[in-house]
Every structure is written in C-alpha cells, then in structure tokens.
Amino acid sequence: MKRRLFKILTFVMILGTSILTVGCSWTNSNKTGNNDNTSNNNKITEGTNKAGEAAKEGADSAKYTATNVKDDIAKAGHELKESPNSKKNYFKGTETDYTAGNDLVRVYEYDSADAIKSDIDTISKDGMTVNGVKTDFKSKPYYYKRGNTLIVYEGNDTEYVNNLESLYGKPLI
C-alpha cells in the first residue's frame, strides 16, 4: 500500500512540475511572443531576401553558353537550329546564331559577366542602333542577359517572347 501511495505521489509531483514548467514558459513566451515572433519573422524574411540576392548574383556571374541557351529553349518546348551564315557581329562577344521558326536568336558569349556591360551600354533606347551603327533589324529585337551571355531575339512570336521572359526576365531594352 505504501509503495502504491509512493508511486501515485511521485506521478502527481512529476505531472505538477511538468504543468508548471510548460505553463510558465507559455506565459513568458506569450507575454513577449508578439515581439519575438515579429522579430523572428523579420529575420526569416531578411535571410530569404539575402539568399535570393546571392542566387541571382551567382546566376549573373556564372558561365552561360550558347549551348545552354539552346538547351533551355528546347526544354521550354521550342527547337533552335544553328544558322551559320547569318553572323552580324554587332557586339564584341563570340556570336552563335540560331533560327527560331522564321526568326533569329543571336547569342553573344563574353569572358565574364562584367565584360558584357560595355556592349549593353551601346544599345540605343529603341534597340535598333548598336555602338552608333544602325542595324538591319526588321523590328525592335528583344535583348536579354544571363551571366556572361547576351541573347538577342529578332522576332515577335509571342510564344518565344514569353519563353525567353520566363527564362531570362524582362528584356533589357
């Protein structure tokens, strides 16, 4: 009987201590919880933003090739075919040309993401003049940048434009 009473008292003490411990921590966190939760949410948001910025910087500094462009567009459901006799060398980067239906996609690769900036700065606001020289584009092309690569789409097919935007963001010009 004493043993049973001892077990019951021990159980009650453990249960009581647990309730007090949980209750006290709930009260303390509840009193300061709003400030702590707001602070924690801000820290999480700040960390997420920093991670996103770092990922974007990493993508901008990564080597990206004409083959990557072709593969990415193929994954989006479109085929690019090489167009070896259409080079215009409007920019300093190494040019690779592809046909996209009846339109051209020109890909200019640079040694680094920084080297591309000076060429982008030579594009006129209407996109029809490069480095002070009028191009023979039929209409304003779409200019995109990814890492060390400048992508120029000379066409107006909305499917291609939408796919290029989903891959590379809004056009530069």
N, C-alpha and C. Protein backbone atom coordinates (compact mmCIF):
# COMPACT_ATOMS: atom_id res chain seq x y z
N MET A 1 0.81 -1.18 0.00
CA MET A 1 0.00 0.00 0.00
C MET A 1 0.87 1.25 0.00
N LYS A 2 1.93 1.25 0.82
CA LYS A 2 2.82 2.40 0.87
C LYS A 2 3.51 2.58 -0.48
N ARG A 3 3.86 1.49 -1.08
CA ARG A 3 4.52 1.56 -2.37
C ARG A 3 3.59 2.18 -3.42
N ARG A 4 2.33 1.78 -3.39
CA ARG A 4 1.36 2.32 -4.33
C ARG A 4 1.15 3.81 -4.08
N LEU A 5 1.06 4.23 -2.85
CA LEU A 5 0.90 5.62 -2.49
C LEU A 5 2.13 6.43 -2.93
N PHE A 6 3.30 5.84 -2.74
CA PHE A 6 4.55 6.49 -3.15
C PHE A 6 4.57 6.70 -4.68
N LYS A 7 4.14 5.71 -5.45
CA LYS A 7 4.09 5.82 -6.90
C LYS A 7 3.10 6.90 -7.33
N ILE A 8 1.96 6.97 -6.71
CA ILE A 8 0.94 7.96 -7.05
C ILE A 8 1.47 9.37 -6.74
N LEU A 9 2.08 9.56 -5.56
CA LEU A 9 2.62 10.86 -5.18
C LEU A 9 3.74 11.28 -6.14
N THR A 10 4.60 10.35 -6.49
CA THR A 10 5.68 10.63 -7.43
C THR A 10 5.09 11.06 -8.79
N PHE A 11 4.10 10.33 -9.25
CA PHE A 11 3.45 10.66 -10.52
C PHE A 11 2.82 12.05 -10.47
N VAL A 12 2.12 12.35 -9.41
CA VAL A 12 1.48 13.66 -9.25
C VAL A 12 2.52 14.77 -9.22
N MET A 13 3.64 14.55 -8.53
CA MET A 13 4.70 15.57 -8.47
C MET A 13 5.31 15.81 -9.86
N ILE A 14 5.56 14.73 -10.58
CA ILE A 14 6.12 14.87 -11.93
C ILE A 14 5.12 15.59 -12.83
N LEU A 15 3.86 15.20 -12.74
CA LEU A 15 2.83 15.84 -13.55
C LEU A 15 2.69 17.32 -13.19
N GLY A 16 2.71 17.62 -11.92
CA GLY A 16 2.60 19.01 -11.46
C GLY A 16 3.78 19.84 -11.92
N THR A 17 4.97 19.30 -11.80
CA THR A 17 6.18 20.01 -12.24
C THR A 17 6.12 20.26 -13.75
N SER A 18 5.68 19.27 -14.50
CA SER A 18 5.57 19.43 -15.96
C SER A 18 4.58 20.52 -16.32
N ILE A 19 3.46 20.54 -15.65
CA ILE A 19 2.43 21.55 -15.93
C ILE A 19 2.96 22.93 -15.59
N LEU A 20 3.63 23.06 -14.46
CA LEU A 20 4.18 24.36 -14.08
C LEU A 20 5.25 24.83 -15.06
N THR A 21 6.11 23.91 -15.48
CA THR A 21 7.17 24.25 -16.41
C THR A 21 6.60 24.71 -17.75
N VAL A 22 5.67 23.94 -18.28
CA VAL A 22 5.03 24.29 -19.55
C VAL A 22 4.22 25.56 -19.38
N GLY A 23 3.50 25.66 -18.32
CA GLY A 23 2.68 26.84 -18.06
C GLY A 23 3.51 28.10 -17.95
N CYS A 24 4.63 28.03 -17.25
CA CYS A 24 5.49 29.21 -17.10
C CYS A 24 6.12 29.62 -18.42
N SER A 25 6.57 28.64 -19.17
CA SER A 25 7.18 29.00 -20.44
C SER A 25 6.14 29.54 -21.41
N TRP A 26 4.92 29.04 -21.36
CA TRP A 26 3.86 29.55 -22.21
C TRP A 26 3.55 31.00 -21.85
N THR A 27 3.49 31.28 -20.55
CA THR A 27 3.19 32.63 -20.09
C THR A 27 4.30 33.59 -20.50
N ASN A 28 5.56 33.18 -20.32
CA ASN A 28 6.67 34.06 -20.69
C ASN A 28 6.71 34.30 -22.19
N SER A 29 6.52 33.26 -22.98
CA SER A 29 6.58 33.45 -24.42
C SER A 29 5.35 34.20 -24.91
N ASN A 30 4.23 34.02 -24.19
CA ASN A 30 3.03 34.73 -24.59
C ASN A 30 3.15 36.22 -24.31
N LYS A 31 3.82 36.57 -23.21
CA LYS A 31 3.98 37.99 -22.87
C LYS A 31 4.90 38.68 -23.87
N THR A 32 5.97 38.02 -24.27
CA THR A 32 6.93 38.64 -25.18
C THR A 32 6.82 38.06 -26.59
N GLY A 33 5.91 37.11 -26.76
CA GLY A 33 5.81 36.38 -28.02
C GLY A 33 5.58 37.25 -29.23
N ASN A 34 4.73 38.24 -29.12
CA ASN A 34 4.44 39.06 -30.29
C ASN A 34 5.68 39.75 -30.80
N ASN A 35 6.47 40.32 -29.89
CA ASN A 35 7.70 41.00 -30.31
C ASN A 35 8.70 40.00 -30.85
N ASP A 36 8.84 38.86 -30.15
CA ASP A 36 9.79 37.85 -30.59
C ASP A 36 9.39 37.28 -31.94
N ASN A 37 8.10 37.01 -32.12
CA ASN A 37 7.65 36.44 -33.39
C ASN A 37 7.84 37.44 -34.53
N THR A 38 7.55 38.69 -34.28
CA THR A 38 7.75 39.71 -35.31
C THR A 38 9.22 39.81 -35.65
N SER A 39 10.05 39.81 -34.63
CA SER A 39 11.50 39.87 -34.85
C SER A 39 11.98 38.66 -35.63
N ASN A 40 11.50 37.48 -35.24
CA ASN A 40 11.89 36.25 -35.93
C ASN A 40 11.41 36.26 -37.38
N ASN A 41 10.17 36.71 -37.60
CA ASN A 41 9.66 36.79 -38.98
C ASN A 41 10.48 37.74 -39.82
N ASN A 42 10.88 38.87 -39.23
CA ASN A 42 11.72 39.82 -39.96
C ASN A 42 13.06 39.20 -40.31
N LYS A 43 13.63 38.44 -39.36
CA LYS A 43 14.92 37.79 -39.61
C LYS A 43 14.79 36.74 -40.71
N ILE A 44 13.69 36.00 -40.71
CA ILE A 44 13.47 34.99 -41.75
C ILE A 44 13.33 35.67 -43.11
N THR A 45 12.53 36.73 -43.17
CA THR A 45 12.35 37.46 -44.43
C THR A 45 13.67 38.03 -44.92
N GLU A 46 14.43 38.60 -44.00
CA GLU A 46 15.73 39.17 -44.35
C GLU A 46 16.66 38.08 -44.88
N GLY A 47 16.68 36.93 -44.24
CA GLY A 47 17.51 35.82 -44.69
C GLY A 47 17.10 35.30 -46.05
N THR A 48 15.79 35.22 -46.28
CA THR A 48 15.29 34.78 -47.57
C THR A 48 15.68 35.76 -48.67
N ASN A 49 15.56 37.05 -48.38
CA ASN A 49 15.95 38.07 -49.36
C ASN A 49 17.43 37.98 -49.69
N LYS A 50 18.26 37.80 -48.66
CA LYS A 50 19.71 37.69 -48.90
C LYS A 50 20.03 36.46 -49.74
N ALA A 51 19.35 35.35 -49.46
CA ALA A 51 19.58 34.13 -50.22
C ALA A 51 19.19 34.32 -51.68
N GLY A 52 18.05 35.01 -51.91
CA GLY A 52 17.60 35.28 -53.28
C GLY A 52 18.59 36.15 -54.03
N GLU A 53 19.10 37.19 -53.34
CA GLU A 53 20.08 38.08 -53.97
C GLU A 53 21.36 37.32 -54.30
N ALA A 54 21.78 36.46 -53.39
CA ALA A 54 23.01 35.69 -53.62
C ALA A 54 22.83 34.74 -54.81
N ALA A 55 21.65 34.13 -54.90
CA ALA A 55 21.38 33.23 -56.02
C ALA A 55 21.39 33.99 -57.34
N LYS A 56 20.80 35.18 -57.34
CA LYS A 56 20.77 36.00 -58.55
C LYS A 56 22.17 36.43 -58.95
N GLU A 57 22.98 36.85 -57.96
CA GLU A 57 24.36 37.23 -58.25
C GLU A 57 25.13 36.03 -58.78
N GLY A 58 24.89 34.86 -58.21
CA GLY A 58 25.56 33.65 -58.68
C GLY A 58 25.19 33.33 -60.11
N ALA A 59 23.90 33.49 -60.45
CA ALA A 59 23.46 33.23 -61.82
C ALA A 59 24.07 34.24 -62.78
N ASP A 60 24.19 35.51 -62.34
CA ASP A 60 24.75 36.53 -63.21
C ASP A 60 26.24 36.33 -63.43
N SER A 61 26.93 35.75 -62.47
CA SER A 61 28.37 35.60 -62.63
C SER A 61 28.76 34.25 -63.23
N ALA A 62 27.81 33.35 -63.37
CA ALA A 62 28.10 32.00 -63.87
C ALA A 62 28.33 32.03 -65.38
N LYS A 63 29.13 31.08 -65.85
CA LYS A 63 29.34 30.92 -67.29
C LYS A 63 28.07 30.32 -67.88
N TYR A 64 27.59 30.95 -68.91
CA TYR A 64 26.37 30.51 -69.59
C TYR A 64 26.69 30.56 -71.07
N THR A 65 26.46 29.47 -71.78
CA THR A 65 26.91 29.35 -73.16
C THR A 65 25.74 29.33 -74.14
N ALA A 66 26.07 29.41 -75.42
CA ALA A 66 25.05 29.31 -76.47
C ALA A 66 24.36 27.96 -76.40
N THR A 67 25.09 26.93 -76.05
CA THR A 67 24.50 25.60 -75.91
C THR A 67 23.48 25.59 -74.78
N ASN A 68 23.78 26.29 -73.68
CA ASN A 68 22.82 26.40 -72.58
C ASN A 68 21.55 27.09 -73.04
N VAL A 69 21.69 28.14 -73.84
CA VAL A 69 20.52 28.85 -74.37
C VAL A 69 19.68 27.88 -75.20
N LYS A 70 20.32 27.18 -76.11
CA LYS A 70 19.62 26.23 -76.98
C LYS A 70 18.91 25.16 -76.16
N ASP A 71 19.60 24.61 -75.17
CA ASP A 71 19.02 23.56 -74.32
C ASP A 71 17.84 24.08 -73.50
N ASP A 72 17.97 25.27 -72.94
CA ASP A 72 16.89 25.84 -72.13
C ASP A 72 15.64 26.11 -72.97
N ILE A 73 15.84 26.58 -74.18
CA ILE A 73 14.70 26.85 -75.06
C ILE A 73 14.07 25.53 -75.51
N ALA A 74 14.90 24.51 -75.72
CA ALA A 74 14.37 23.18 -76.07
C ALA A 74 13.54 22.61 -74.92
N LYS A 75 13.99 22.81 -73.69
CA LYS A 75 13.22 22.34 -72.52
C LYS A 75 11.88 23.06 -72.43
N ALA A 76 11.82 24.28 -72.96
CA ALA A 76 10.57 25.05 -72.95
C ALA A 76 9.66 24.63 -74.11
N GLY A 77 10.13 23.69 -74.93
CA GLY A 77 9.29 23.16 -75.99
C GLY A 77 9.51 23.73 -77.38
N HIS A 78 10.62 24.43 -77.58
CA HIS A 78 10.91 25.01 -78.89
C HIS A 78 12.27 24.52 -79.38
N GLU A 79 12.39 24.42 -80.68
CA GLU A 79 13.64 23.96 -81.27
C GLU A 79 14.38 25.13 -81.90
N LEU A 80 15.65 25.22 -81.60
CA LEU A 80 16.52 26.19 -82.27
C LEU A 80 17.45 25.41 -83.19
N LYS A 81 17.61 25.93 -84.40
CA LYS A 81 18.53 25.30 -85.35
C LYS A 81 19.67 26.27 -85.60
N GLU A 82 20.88 25.72 -85.73
CA GLU A 82 22.03 26.58 -85.99
C GLU A 82 21.88 27.30 -87.32
N SER A 83 22.32 28.53 -87.32
CA SER A 83 22.26 29.38 -88.52
C SER A 83 23.66 29.93 -88.76
N PRO A 84 24.53 29.14 -89.41
CA PRO A 84 25.94 29.50 -89.50
C PRO A 84 26.27 30.70 -90.39
N ASN A 85 25.43 31.04 -91.34
CA ASN A 85 25.76 32.10 -92.30
C ASN A 85 25.03 33.41 -92.04
N SER A 86 24.67 33.67 -90.80
CA SER A 86 23.89 34.87 -90.52
C SER A 86 24.58 35.82 -89.53
N LYS A 87 25.82 35.57 -89.22
CA LYS A 87 26.53 36.38 -88.22
C LYS A 87 26.63 37.85 -88.65
N LYS A 88 26.40 38.74 -87.69
CA LYS A 88 26.49 40.19 -87.93
C LYS A 88 27.57 40.84 -87.06
N ASN A 89 27.97 40.19 -86.00
CA ASN A 89 29.00 40.72 -85.09
C ASN A 89 28.70 42.15 -84.63
N TYR A 90 27.47 42.35 -84.20
CA TYR A 90 27.08 43.65 -83.66
C TYR A 90 27.79 43.95 -82.34
N PHE A 91 28.17 42.89 -81.62
CA PHE A 91 28.78 43.02 -80.30
C PHE A 91 30.14 42.33 -80.27
N LYS A 92 30.91 42.61 -79.21
CA LYS A 92 32.27 42.07 -79.09
C LYS A 92 32.31 40.60 -78.69
N GLY A 93 31.25 40.10 -78.10
CA GLY A 93 31.23 38.71 -77.66
C GLY A 93 31.28 37.74 -78.83
N THR A 94 31.58 36.48 -78.54
CA THR A 94 31.60 35.45 -79.57
C THR A 94 30.17 35.11 -79.95
N GLU A 95 29.84 35.27 -81.22
CA GLU A 95 28.46 35.12 -81.69
C GLU A 95 28.15 33.71 -82.18
N THR A 96 26.99 33.21 -81.75
CA THR A 96 26.41 31.97 -82.27
C THR A 96 24.98 32.30 -82.63
N ASP A 97 24.56 31.96 -83.85
CA ASP A 97 23.21 32.28 -84.29
C ASP A 97 22.37 31.02 -84.45
N TYR A 98 21.09 31.17 -84.10
CA TYR A 98 20.12 30.09 -84.24
C TYR A 98 18.88 30.64 -84.94
N THR A 99 18.16 29.76 -85.64
CA THR A 99 16.85 30.14 -86.16
C THR A 99 15.80 29.60 -85.20
N ALA A 100 14.81 30.44 -84.96
CA ALA A 100 13.67 30.08 -84.12
C ALA A 100 12.44 30.28 -84.99
N GLY A 101 12.02 29.22 -85.68
CA GLY A 101 10.97 29.38 -86.68
C GLY A 101 11.54 30.20 -87.82
N ASN A 102 10.94 31.36 -88.10
CA ASN A 102 11.44 32.26 -89.16
C ASN A 102 12.29 33.38 -88.59
N ASP A 103 12.54 33.36 -87.31
CA ASP A 103 13.27 34.44 -86.64
C ASP A 103 14.67 34.00 -86.24
N LEU A 104 15.50 34.97 -85.85
CA LEU A 104 16.87 34.68 -85.41
C LEU A 104 17.03 34.92 -83.92
N VAL A 105 17.83 34.08 -83.32
CA VAL A 105 18.29 34.28 -81.94
C VAL A 105 19.81 34.36 -82.01
N ARG A 106 20.35 35.50 -81.65
CA ARG A 106 21.80 35.69 -81.65
C ARG A 106 22.28 35.60 -80.21
N VAL A 107 23.31 34.81 -80.00
CA VAL A 107 23.86 34.62 -78.65
C VAL A 107 25.30 35.09 -78.67
N TYR A 108 25.61 36.03 -77.79
CA TYR A 108 26.97 36.57 -77.69
C TYR A 108 27.54 36.17 -76.34
N GLU A 109 28.63 35.40 -76.36
CA GLU A 109 29.28 34.95 -75.13
C GLU A 109 30.50 35.82 -74.85
N TYR A 110 30.67 36.16 -73.58
CA TYR A 110 31.78 37.00 -73.12
C TYR A 110 32.61 36.23 -72.11
N ASP A 111 33.83 36.72 -71.88
CA ASP A 111 34.71 36.07 -70.91
C ASP A 111 34.17 36.15 -69.49
N SER A 112 33.44 37.21 -69.20
CA SER A 112 32.89 37.38 -67.85
C SER A 112 31.59 38.18 -67.92
N ALA A 113 30.84 38.15 -66.82
CA ALA A 113 29.59 38.91 -66.74
C ALA A 113 29.87 40.41 -66.78
N ASP A 114 31.04 40.83 -66.30
CA ASP A 114 31.39 42.25 -66.32
C ASP A 114 31.69 42.76 -67.74
N ALA A 115 32.28 41.90 -68.57
CA ALA A 115 32.67 42.30 -69.93
C ALA A 115 31.47 42.62 -70.80
N ILE A 116 30.34 42.07 -70.48
CA ILE A 116 29.13 42.27 -71.28
C ILE A 116 28.54 43.67 -71.10
N LYS A 117 28.78 44.28 -69.96
CA LYS A 117 28.17 45.57 -69.61
C LYS A 117 28.47 46.67 -70.63
N SER A 118 29.71 46.77 -71.06
CA SER A 118 30.06 47.84 -72.00
C SER A 118 29.32 47.68 -73.33
N ASP A 119 29.09 46.45 -73.78
CA ASP A 119 28.33 46.25 -75.02
C ASP A 119 26.85 46.59 -74.82
N ILE A 120 26.29 46.22 -73.69
CA ILE A 120 24.89 46.53 -73.42
C ILE A 120 24.67 48.04 -73.41
N ASP A 121 25.66 48.76 -72.89
CA ASP A 121 25.56 50.23 -72.82
C ASP A 121 25.55 50.89 -74.20
N THR A 122 25.96 50.17 -75.26
CA THR A 122 25.99 50.75 -76.61
C THR A 122 24.68 50.59 -77.36
N ILE A 123 23.71 49.90 -76.76
CA ILE A 123 22.42 49.68 -77.42
C ILE A 123 21.56 50.93 -77.24
N SER A 124 21.01 51.43 -78.36
CA SER A 124 20.15 52.63 -78.29
C SER A 124 18.83 52.28 -77.59
N LYS A 125 18.11 53.32 -77.18
CA LYS A 125 16.85 53.13 -76.46
C LYS A 125 15.81 52.40 -77.31
N ASP A 126 15.85 52.60 -78.62
CA ASP A 126 14.89 51.91 -79.48
C ASP A 126 15.39 50.52 -79.88
N GLY A 127 16.62 50.17 -79.50
CA GLY A 127 17.17 48.86 -79.77
C GLY A 127 17.62 48.63 -81.20
N MET A 128 17.51 49.63 -82.04
CA MET A 128 17.80 49.48 -83.46
C MET A 128 19.20 49.95 -83.85
N THR A 129 19.93 50.54 -82.91
CA THR A 129 21.29 51.01 -83.17
C THR A 129 22.20 50.42 -82.10
N VAL A 130 23.35 49.91 -82.55
CA VAL A 130 24.32 49.33 -81.64
C VAL A 130 25.67 49.97 -81.91
N ASN A 131 26.27 50.51 -80.86
CA ASN A 131 27.58 51.14 -80.97
C ASN A 131 27.58 52.26 -82.01
N GLY A 132 26.45 52.98 -82.09
CA GLY A 132 26.33 54.11 -83.02
C GLY A 132 26.05 53.70 -84.45
N VAL A 133 25.92 52.41 -84.72
CA VAL A 133 25.69 51.93 -86.09
C VAL A 133 24.27 51.36 -86.19
N LYS A 134 23.53 51.81 -87.20
CA LYS A 134 22.17 51.31 -87.41
C LYS A 134 22.22 49.85 -87.84
N THR A 135 21.40 49.04 -87.21
CA THR A 135 21.34 47.61 -87.53
C THR A 135 20.34 47.38 -88.66
N ASP A 136 20.29 46.15 -89.16
CA ASP A 136 19.30 45.84 -90.19
C ASP A 136 18.15 45.00 -89.63
N PHE A 137 17.86 45.19 -88.35
CA PHE A 137 16.73 44.50 -87.74
C PHE A 137 15.44 45.00 -88.38
N LYS A 138 14.49 44.09 -88.63
CA LYS A 138 13.20 44.47 -89.21
C LYS A 138 12.32 45.17 -88.19
N SER A 139 12.45 44.77 -86.94
CA SER A 139 11.72 45.40 -85.84
C SER A 139 12.60 45.35 -84.60
N LYS A 140 12.20 46.08 -83.57
CA LYS A 140 13.00 46.14 -82.35
C LYS A 140 13.19 44.73 -81.78
N PRO A 141 14.44 44.30 -81.61
CA PRO A 141 14.69 42.98 -81.04
C PRO A 141 14.54 43.00 -79.52
N TYR A 142 14.48 41.83 -78.97
CA TYR A 142 14.42 41.65 -77.52
C TYR A 142 15.81 41.28 -77.03
N TYR A 143 16.34 42.05 -76.08
CA TYR A 143 17.68 41.82 -75.54
C TYR A 143 17.56 41.24 -74.13
N TYR A 144 18.27 40.14 -73.89
CA TYR A 144 18.28 39.51 -72.58
C TYR A 144 19.72 39.24 -72.17
N LYS A 145 19.94 39.17 -70.86
CA LYS A 145 21.27 38.86 -70.34
C LYS A 145 21.16 37.75 -69.31
N ARG A 146 22.10 36.83 -69.40
CA ARG A 146 22.22 35.80 -68.37
C ARG A 146 23.69 35.50 -68.19
N GLY A 147 24.19 35.78 -66.99
CA GLY A 147 25.60 35.54 -66.70
C GLY A 147 26.48 36.31 -67.65
N ASN A 148 27.30 35.59 -68.38
CA ASN A 148 28.24 36.20 -69.33
C ASN A 148 27.70 36.23 -70.76
N THR A 149 26.40 36.08 -70.93
CA THR A 149 25.82 35.91 -72.25
C THR A 149 24.72 36.94 -72.54
N LEU A 150 24.78 37.51 -73.74
CA LEU A 150 23.75 38.42 -74.24
C LEU A 150 22.95 37.64 -75.28
N ILE A 151 21.63 37.63 -75.12
CA ILE A 151 20.74 36.92 -76.03
C ILE A 151 19.90 37.97 -76.74
N VAL A 152 19.89 37.94 -78.08
CA VAL A 152 19.13 38.90 -78.88
C VAL A 152 18.14 38.10 -79.71
N TYR A 153 16.84 38.32 -79.46
CA TYR A 153 15.80 37.66 -80.24
C TYR A 153 15.25 38.65 -81.25
N GLU A 154 15.44 38.32 -82.53
CA GLU A 154 14.95 39.16 -83.62
C GLU A 154 13.65 38.56 -84.15
N GLY A 155 12.58 38.83 -83.45
CA GLY A 155 11.28 38.31 -83.86
C GLY A 155 10.20 38.82 -82.95
N ASN A 156 8.97 38.43 -83.25
CA ASN A 156 7.83 38.87 -82.46
C ASN A 156 6.87 37.75 -82.11
N ASP A 157 7.30 36.50 -82.25
CA ASP A 157 6.46 35.36 -81.91
C ASP A 157 6.22 35.38 -80.39
N THR A 158 4.97 35.54 -80.00
CA THR A 158 4.66 35.71 -78.56
C THR A 158 5.06 34.49 -77.74
N GLU A 159 5.01 33.29 -78.32
CA GLU A 159 5.44 32.10 -77.57
C GLU A 159 6.92 32.18 -77.23
N TYR A 160 7.74 32.57 -78.20
CA TYR A 160 9.17 32.72 -77.94
C TYR A 160 9.43 33.85 -76.96
N VAL A 161 8.76 34.98 -77.14
CA VAL A 161 8.95 36.11 -76.23
C VAL A 161 8.59 35.71 -74.80
N ASN A 162 7.47 35.02 -74.63
CA ASN A 162 7.06 34.59 -73.28
C ASN A 162 8.05 33.59 -72.69
N ASN A 163 8.53 32.66 -73.51
CA ASN A 163 9.52 31.68 -73.01
C ASN A 163 10.84 32.36 -72.64
N LEU A 164 11.27 33.28 -73.47
CA LEU A 164 12.52 33.99 -73.18
C LEU A 164 12.38 34.81 -71.90
N GLU A 165 11.23 35.44 -71.72
CA GLU A 165 11.00 36.21 -70.48
C GLU A 165 10.98 35.30 -69.27
N SER A 166 10.39 34.12 -69.40
CA SER A 166 10.36 33.21 -68.24
C SER A 166 11.77 32.69 -67.93
N LEU A 167 12.61 32.56 -68.95
CA LEU A 167 13.97 32.08 -68.73
C LEU A 167 14.93 33.19 -68.27
N TYR A 168 14.78 34.39 -68.86
CA TYR A 168 15.79 35.44 -68.66
C TYR A 168 15.25 36.74 -68.05
N GLY A 169 13.96 36.79 -67.77
CA GLY A 169 13.40 38.01 -67.17
C GLY A 169 12.98 38.99 -68.25
N LYS A 170 12.61 40.17 -67.81
CA LYS A 170 12.17 41.22 -68.74
C LYS A 170 13.33 41.59 -69.67
N PRO A 171 13.00 41.99 -70.91
CA PRO A 171 14.07 42.43 -71.83
C PRO A 171 14.83 43.62 -71.26
N LEU A 172 16.11 43.71 -71.61
CA LEU A 172 16.96 44.81 -71.13
C LEU A 172 16.50 46.15 -71.68
N ILE A 173 16.02 46.15 -72.91
CA ILE A 173 15.62 47.40 -73.58
C ILE A 173 14.24 47.22 -74.16
